[in-house]
PDB file of all heavy atoms in Angstrom:
ATOM      1  N   LYS A   1     -96.390 -43.805  78.648  1.00  0.00           N
ATOM      2  CA  LYS A   1     -97.045 -42.664  78.002  1.00  0.00           C
ATOM      3  C   LYS A   1     -98.308 -42.218  78.743  1.00  0.00           C
ATOM      4  O   LYS A   1     -99.026 -41.339  78.275  1.00  0.00           O
ATOM      5  CB  LYS A   1     -97.379 -43.012  76.556  1.00  0.00           C
ATOM      6  CG  LYS A   1     -96.145 -43.228  75.710  1.00  0.00           C
ATOM      7  CD  LYS A   1     -96.501 -43.507  74.273  1.00  0.00           C
ATOM      8  CE  LYS A   1     -95.208 -43.724  73.479  1.00  0.00           C
ATOM      9  NZ  LYS A   1     -95.469 -43.901  72.062  1.00  0.00           N
ATOM     10  N   ASP A   2     -98.586 -42.848  79.872  1.00  0.00           N
ATOM     11  CA  ASP A   2     -99.772 -42.481  80.648  1.00  0.00           C
ATOM     12  C   ASP A   2     -99.583 -41.127  81.330  1.00  0.00           C
ATOM     13  O   ASP A   2     -98.463 -40.706  81.615  1.00  0.00           O
ATOM     14  CB  ASP A   2    -100.067 -43.537  81.718  1.00  0.00           C
ATOM     15  CG  ASP A   2    -100.519 -44.854  81.118  1.00  0.00           C
ATOM     16  OD1 ASP A   2    -101.066 -44.849  79.994  1.00  0.00           O
ATOM     17  OD2 ASP A   2    -100.303 -45.898  81.766  1.00  0.00           O
ATOM     18  N   ASP A   3    -100.711 -40.460  81.606  1.00  0.00           N
ATOM     19  CA  ASP A   3    -100.678 -39.208  82.357  1.00  0.00           C
ATOM     20  C   ASP A   3    -100.362 -39.504  83.820  1.00  0.00           C
ATOM     21  O   ASP A   3    -100.692 -40.567  84.331  1.00  0.00           O
ATOM     22  CB  ASP A   3    -102.028 -38.493  82.269  1.00  0.00           C
ATOM     23  CG  ASP A   3    -102.324 -37.973  80.875  1.00  0.00           C
ATOM     24  OD1 ASP A   3    -101.371 -37.702  80.121  1.00  0.00           O
ATOM     25  OD2 ASP A   3    -103.517 -37.835  80.550  1.00  0.00           O
ATOM     26  N   TRP A   4     -99.750 -38.541  84.492  1.00  0.00           N
ATOM     27  CA  TRP A   4     -99.441 -38.687  85.904  1.00  0.00           C
ATOM     28  C   TRP A   4     -99.425 -37.306  86.533  1.00  0.00           C
ATOM     29  O   TRP A   4     -99.350 -36.291  85.837  1.00  0.00           O
ATOM     30  CB  TRP A   4     -98.103 -39.398  86.126  1.00  0.00           C
ATOM     31  CG  TRP A   4     -96.936 -38.661  85.527  1.00  0.00           C
ATOM     32  CD1 TRP A   4     -96.491 -38.740  84.244  1.00  0.00           C
ATOM     33  CD2 TRP A   4     -96.115 -37.705  86.179  1.00  0.00           C
ATOM     34  NE1 TRP A   4     -95.426 -37.898  84.054  1.00  0.00           N
ATOM     35  CE2 TRP A   4     -95.166 -37.244  85.235  1.00  0.00           C
ATOM     36  CE3 TRP A   4     -96.067 -37.190  87.472  1.00  0.00           C
ATOM     37  CZ2 TRP A   4     -94.203 -36.290  85.547  1.00  0.00           C
ATOM     38  CZ3 TRP A   4     -95.097 -36.246  87.771  1.00  0.00           C
ATOM     39  CH2 TRP A   4     -94.172 -35.816  86.823  1.00  0.00           C
ATOM     40  N   LYS A   5     -99.541 -37.260  87.839  1.00  0.00           N
ATOM     41  CA  LYS A   5     -99.430 -35.999  88.563  1.00  0.00           C
ATOM     42  C   LYS A   5     -98.918 -36.267  89.965  1.00  0.00           C
ATOM     43  O   LYS A   5     -99.080 -37.362  90.502  1.00  0.00           O
ATOM     44  CB  LYS A   5    -100.761 -35.256  88.621  1.00  0.00           C
ATOM     45  CG  LYS A   5    -101.795 -35.887  89.532  1.00  0.00           C
ATOM     46  CD  LYS A   5    -103.038 -35.025  89.633  1.00  0.00           C
ATOM     47  CE  LYS A   5    -103.966 -35.602  90.681  1.00  0.00           C
ATOM     48  NZ  LYS A   5    -105.035 -34.707  91.015  1.00  0.00           N
ATOM     49  N   ILE A   6     -98.294 -35.274  90.534  1.00  0.00           N
ATOM     50  CA  ILE A   6     -97.842 -35.355  91.921  1.00  0.00           C
ATOM     51  C   ILE A   6     -99.035 -35.006  92.796  1.00  0.00           C
ATOM     52  O   ILE A   6     -99.710 -34.007  92.575  1.00  0.00           O
ATOM     53  CB  ILE A   6     -96.667 -34.383  92.168  1.00  0.00           C
ATOM     54  CG1 ILE A   6     -95.463 -34.821  91.342  1.00  0.00           C
ATOM     55  CG2 ILE A   6     -96.335 -34.313  93.657  1.00  0.00           C
ATOM     56  CD1 ILE A   6     -94.302 -33.844  91.367  1.00  0.00           C
ATOM     57  N   ASN A   7     -99.313 -35.845  93.785  1.00  0.00           N
ATOM     58  CA  ASN A   7    -100.464 -35.649  94.649  1.00  0.00           C
ATOM     59  C   ASN A   7     -99.975 -35.551  96.090  1.00  0.00           C
ATOM     60  O   ASN A   7     -99.759 -36.558  96.748  1.00  0.00           O
ATOM     61  CB  ASN A   7    -101.447 -36.811  94.483  1.00  0.00           C
ATOM     62  CG  ASN A   7    -102.691 -36.622  95.310  1.00  0.00           C
ATOM     63  OD1 ASN A   7    -102.803 -35.685  96.080  1.00  0.00           O
ATOM     64  ND2 ASN A   7    -103.621 -37.536  95.175  1.00  0.00           N
ATOM     65  N   ASN A   8     -99.813 -34.338  96.554  1.00  0.00           N
ATOM     66  CA  ASN A   8     -99.403 -34.110  97.939  1.00  0.00           C
ATOM     67  C   ASN A   8    -100.589 -33.572  98.732  1.00  0.00           C
ATOM     68  O   ASN A   8    -100.475 -32.615  99.490  1.00  0.00           O
ATOM     69  CB  ASN A   8     -98.223 -33.135  97.991  1.00  0.00           C
ATOM     70  CG  ASN A   8     -96.984 -33.734  97.372  1.00  0.00           C
ATOM     71  OD1 ASN A   8     -96.784 -34.944  97.391  1.00  0.00           O
ATOM     72  ND2 ASN A   8     -96.150 -32.898  96.801  1.00  0.00           N
ATOM     73  N   ILE A   9    -101.731 -34.218  98.560  1.00  0.00           N
ATOM     74  CA  ILE A   9    -102.981 -33.730  99.137  1.00  0.00           C
ATOM     75  C   ILE A   9    -102.962 -33.700 100.666  1.00  0.00           C
ATOM     76  O   ILE A   9    -103.698 -32.947 101.290  1.00  0.00           O
ATOM     77  CB  ILE A   9    -104.170 -34.554  98.606  1.00  0.00           C
ATOM     78  CG1 ILE A   9    -105.478 -33.824  98.851  1.00  0.00           C
ATOM     79  CG2 ILE A   9    -104.192 -35.949  99.203  1.00  0.00           C
ATOM     80  CD1 ILE A   9    -106.642 -34.378  98.086  1.00  0.00           C
ATOM     81  N   LEU A  10    -102.108 -34.492 101.284  1.00  0.00           N
ATOM     82  CA  LEU A  10    -102.059 -34.529 102.749  1.00  0.00           C
ATOM     83  C   LEU A  10    -101.120 -33.478 103.341  1.00  0.00           C
ATOM     84  O   LEU A  10    -100.954 -33.425 104.564  1.00  0.00           O
ATOM     85  CB  LEU A  10    -101.649 -35.929 103.222  1.00  0.00           C
ATOM     86  CG  LEU A  10    -102.643 -37.044 102.886  1.00  0.00           C
ATOM     87  CD1 LEU A  10    -102.095 -38.392 103.331  1.00  0.00           C
ATOM     88  CD2 LEU A  10    -103.998 -36.779 103.505  1.00  0.00           C
ATOM     89  N   ASP A  11    -100.530 -32.625 102.500  1.00  0.00           N
ATOM     90  CA  ASP A  11     -99.637 -31.578 103.011  1.00  0.00           C
ATOM     91  C   ASP A  11    -100.351 -30.619 103.956  1.00  0.00           C
ATOM     92  O   ASP A  11     -99.718 -30.029 104.831  1.00  0.00           O
ATOM     93  CB  ASP A  11     -99.005 -30.788 101.864  1.00  0.00           C
ATOM     94  CG  ASP A  11     -97.840 -31.507 101.218  1.00  0.00           C
ATOM     95  OD1 ASP A  11     -97.538 -32.657 101.615  1.00  0.00           O
ATOM     96  OD2 ASP A  11     -97.229 -30.923 100.303  1.00  0.00           O
ATOM     97  N   ASP A  12    -101.664 -30.460 103.792  1.00  0.00           N
ATOM     98  CA  ASP A  12    -102.419 -29.593 104.701  1.00  0.00           C
ATOM     99  C   ASP A  12    -102.695 -30.277 106.040  1.00  0.00           C
ATOM    100  O   ASP A  12    -102.966 -29.606 107.034  1.00  0.00           O
ATOM    101  CB  ASP A  12    -103.752 -29.178 104.064  1.00  0.00           C
ATOM    102  CG  ASP A  12    -103.561 -28.249 102.879  1.00  0.00           C
ATOM    103  OD1 ASP A  12    -102.521 -27.582 102.794  1.00  0.00           O
ATOM    104  OD2 ASP A  12    -104.467 -28.204 102.017  1.00  0.00           O
ATOM    105  N   LYS A  13    -102.616 -31.586 106.050  1.00  0.00           N
ATOM    106  CA  LYS A  13    -102.898 -32.362 107.261  1.00  0.00           C
ATOM    107  C   LYS A  13    -101.619 -32.679 108.046  1.00  0.00           C
ATOM    108  O   LYS A  13    -101.624 -32.670 109.272  1.00  0.00           O
ATOM    109  CB  LYS A  13    -103.606 -33.658 106.866  1.00  0.00           C
ATOM    110  CG  LYS A  13    -104.113 -34.491 108.009  1.00  0.00           C
ATOM    111  CD  LYS A  13    -104.909 -35.685 107.493  1.00  0.00           C
ATOM    112  CE  LYS A  13    -105.430 -36.551 108.619  1.00  0.00           C
ATOM    113  NZ  LYS A  13    -106.186 -37.708 108.106  1.00  0.00           N
ATOM    114  N   TYR A  14    -100.539 -33.000 107.322  1.00  0.00           N
ATOM    115  CA  TYR A  14     -99.272 -33.379 107.953  1.00  0.00           C
ATOM    116  C   TYR A  14     -98.136 -32.561 107.353  1.00  0.00           C
ATOM    117  O   TYR A  14     -98.201 -32.143 106.201  1.00  0.00           O
ATOM    118  CB  TYR A  14     -98.960 -34.866 107.710  1.00  0.00           C
ATOM    119  CG  TYR A  14    -100.041 -35.820 108.121  1.00  0.00           C
ATOM    120  CD1 TYR A  14    -100.660 -36.643 107.189  1.00  0.00           C
ATOM    121  CD2 TYR A  14    -100.441 -35.923 109.453  1.00  0.00           C
ATOM    122  CE1 TYR A  14    -101.657 -37.543 107.565  1.00  0.00           C
ATOM    123  CE2 TYR A  14    -101.440 -36.818 109.830  1.00  0.00           C
ATOM    124  CZ  TYR A  14    -102.036 -37.617 108.882  1.00  0.00           C
ATOM    125  OH  TYR A  14    -103.015 -38.496 109.253  1.00  0.00           O
ATOM    126  N   SER A  15     -97.085 -32.405 108.124  1.00  0.00           N
ATOM    127  CA  SER A  15     -95.884 -31.742 107.606  1.00  0.00           C
ATOM    128  C   SER A  15     -95.019 -32.758 106.879  1.00  0.00           C
ATOM    129  O   SER A  15     -94.699 -33.810 107.440  1.00  0.00           O
ATOM    130  CB  SER A  15     -95.062 -31.137 108.758  1.00  0.00           C
ATOM    131  OG  SER A  15     -95.796 -30.131 109.408  1.00  0.00           O
ATOM    132  N   PRO A  16     -94.647 -32.457 105.641  1.00  0.00           N
ATOM    133  CA  PRO A  16     -93.762 -33.375 104.914  1.00  0.00           C
ATOM    134  C   PRO A  16     -92.395 -33.460 105.589  1.00  0.00           C
ATOM    135  O   PRO A  16     -91.898 -32.475 106.145  1.00  0.00           O
ATOM    136  CB  PRO A  16     -93.637 -32.743 103.529  1.00  0.00           C
ATOM    137  CG  PRO A  16     -94.752 -31.768 103.427  1.00  0.00           C
ATOM    138  CD  PRO A  16     -95.065 -31.327 104.825  1.00  0.00           C
ATOM    139  N   ARG A  17     -91.811 -34.637 105.552  1.00  0.00           N
ATOM    140  CA  ARG A  17     -90.457 -34.819 106.072  1.00  0.00           C
ATOM    141  C   ARG A  17     -89.468 -34.175 105.097  1.00  0.00           C
ATOM    142  O   ARG A  17     -89.771 -34.028 103.909  1.00  0.00           O
ATOM    143  CB  ARG A  17     -90.161 -36.311 106.216  1.00  0.00           C
ATOM    144  CG  ARG A  17     -91.084 -36.995 107.219  1.00  0.00           C
ATOM    145  CD  ARG A  17     -90.963 -38.508 107.193  1.00  0.00           C
ATOM    146  NE  ARG A  17     -89.595 -38.927 107.421  1.00  0.00           N
ATOM    147  CZ  ARG A  17     -89.036 -39.994 106.862  1.00  0.00           C
ATOM    148  NH1 ARG A  17     -89.715 -40.756 106.028  1.00  0.00           N
ATOM    149  NH2 ARG A  17     -87.800 -40.320 107.119  1.00  0.00           N
ATOM    150  N   PRO A  18     -88.289 -33.829 105.560  1.00  0.00           N
ATOM    151  CA  PRO A  18     -87.273 -33.299 104.646  1.00  0.00           C
ATOM    152  C   PRO A  18     -86.935 -34.307 103.550  1.00  0.00           C
ATOM    153  O   PRO A  18     -86.906 -35.522 103.792  1.00  0.00           O
ATOM    154  CB  PRO A  18     -86.059 -33.061 105.551  1.00  0.00           C
ATOM    155  CG  PRO A  18     -86.628 -32.930 106.938  1.00  0.00           C
ATOM    156  CD  PRO A  18     -87.845 -33.837 106.960  1.00  0.00           C
ATOM    157  N   ALA A  19     -86.694 -33.806 102.340  1.00  0.00           N
ATOM    158  CA  ALA A  19     -86.426 -34.668 101.178  1.00  0.00           C
ATOM    159  C   ALA A  19     -85.282 -35.642 101.454  1.00  0.00           C
ATOM    160  O   ALA A  19     -85.363 -36.819 101.074  1.00  0.00           O
ATOM    161  CB  ALA A  19     -86.125 -33.808  99.955  1.00  0.00           C
ATOM    162  N   LYS A  20     -84.227 -35.183 102.120  1.00  0.00           N
ATOM    163  CA  LYS A  20     -83.088 -36.082 102.390  1.00  0.00           C
ATOM    164  C   LYS A  20     -83.495 -37.249 103.285  1.00  0.00           C
ATOM    165  O   LYS A  20     -83.023 -38.371 103.115  1.00  0.00           O
ATOM    166  CB  LYS A  20     -81.906 -35.312 102.976  1.00  0.00           C
ATOM    167  CG  LYS A  20     -82.132 -34.698 104.331  1.00  0.00           C
ATOM    168  CD  LYS A  20     -80.877 -33.969 104.830  1.00  0.00           C
ATOM    169  CE  LYS A  20     -81.092 -33.274 106.144  1.00  0.00           C
ATOM    170  NZ  LYS A  20     -81.445 -34.109 107.249  1.00  0.00           N
ATOM    171  N   ASP A  21     -84.427 -37.017 104.223  1.00  0.00           N
ATOM    172  CA  ASP A  21     -84.907 -38.094 105.098  1.00  0.00           C
ATOM    173  C   ASP A  21     -85.777 -39.084 104.320  1.00  0.00           C
ATOM    174  O   ASP A  21     -85.697 -40.292 104.537  1.00  0.00           O
ATOM    175  CB  ASP A  21     -85.693 -37.522 106.276  1.00  0.00           C
ATOM    176  CG  ASP A  21     -84.826 -36.716 107.230  1.00  0.00           C
ATOM    177  OD1 ASP A  21     -83.572 -36.809 107.144  1.00  0.00           O
ATOM    178  OD2 ASP A  21     -85.392 -35.982 108.068  1.00  0.00           O
ATOM    179  N   ILE A  22     -86.610 -38.547 103.427  1.00  0.00           N
ATOM    180  CA  ILE A  22     -87.452 -39.407 102.594  1.00  0.00           C
ATOM    181  C   ILE A  22     -86.572 -40.300 101.724  1.00  0.00           C
ATOM    182  O   ILE A  22     -86.775 -41.518 101.649  1.00  0.00           O
ATOM    183  CB  ILE A  22     -88.396 -38.568 101.710  1.00  0.00           C
ATOM    184  CG1 ILE A  22     -89.384 -37.776 102.580  1.00  0.00           C
ATOM    185  CG2 ILE A  22     -89.141 -39.459 100.718  1.00  0.00           C
ATOM    186  CD1 ILE A  22     -90.173 -36.734 101.817  1.00  0.00           C
ATOM    187  N   LEU A  23     -85.588 -39.704 101.065  1.00  0.00           N
ATOM    188  CA  LEU A  23     -84.687 -40.470 100.193  1.00  0.00           C
ATOM    189  C   LEU A  23     -83.909 -41.519 100.971  1.00  0.00           C
ATOM    190  O   LEU A  23     -83.734 -42.644 100.504  1.00  0.00           O
ATOM    191  CB  LEU A  23     -83.745 -39.527  99.451  1.00  0.00           C
ATOM    192  CG  LEU A  23     -84.401 -38.619  98.417  1.00  0.00           C
ATOM    193  CD1 LEU A  23     -83.413 -37.576  97.910  1.00  0.00           C
ATOM    194  CD2 LEU A  23     -84.962 -39.439  97.270  1.00  0.00           C
ATOM    195  N   ARG A  24     -83.454 -41.162 102.155  1.00  0.00           N
ATOM    196  CA  ARG A  24     -82.695 -42.115 102.972  1.00  0.00           C
ATOM    197  C   ARG A  24     -83.592 -43.285 103.401  1.00  0.00           C
ATOM    198  O   ARG A  24     -83.220 -44.448 103.280  1.00  0.00           O
ATOM    199  CB  ARG A  24     -82.093 -41.418 104.196  1.00  0.00           C
ATOM    200  CG  ARG A  24     -81.206 -42.320 105.039  1.00  0.00           C
ATOM    201  CD  ARG A  24     -80.502 -41.646 106.218  1.00  0.00           C
ATOM    202  NE  ARG A  24     -81.233 -40.581 106.860  1.00  0.00           N
ATOM    203  CZ  ARG A  24     -80.903 -39.282 106.797  1.00  0.00           C
ATOM    204  NH1 ARG A  24     -79.842 -38.897 106.122  1.00  0.00           N
ATOM    205  NH2 ARG A  24     -81.618 -38.374 107.423  1.00  0.00           N
ATOM    206  N   SER A  25     -84.801 -42.987 103.869  1.00  0.00           N
ATOM    207  CA  SER A  25     -85.722 -44.043 104.310  1.00  0.00           C
ATOM    208  C   SER A  25     -86.119 -44.956 103.157  1.00  0.00           C
ATOM    209  O   SER A  25     -86.066 -46.181 103.280  1.00  0.00           O
ATOM    210  CB  SER A  25     -86.996 -43.429 104.909  1.00  0.00           C
ATOM    211  OG  SER A  25     -86.717 -42.727 106.081  1.00  0.00           O
TER     212      SER A  25
END
C-alpha cells in the first residue's frame, strides 16, 4: 500500500535501451 513512482531521471543523461532488450537482460 506504499506510494511509488517511476523515476527515469537519467533519461536526459543516457538513452534508454529498448524495452525488449531490458526485459531480455
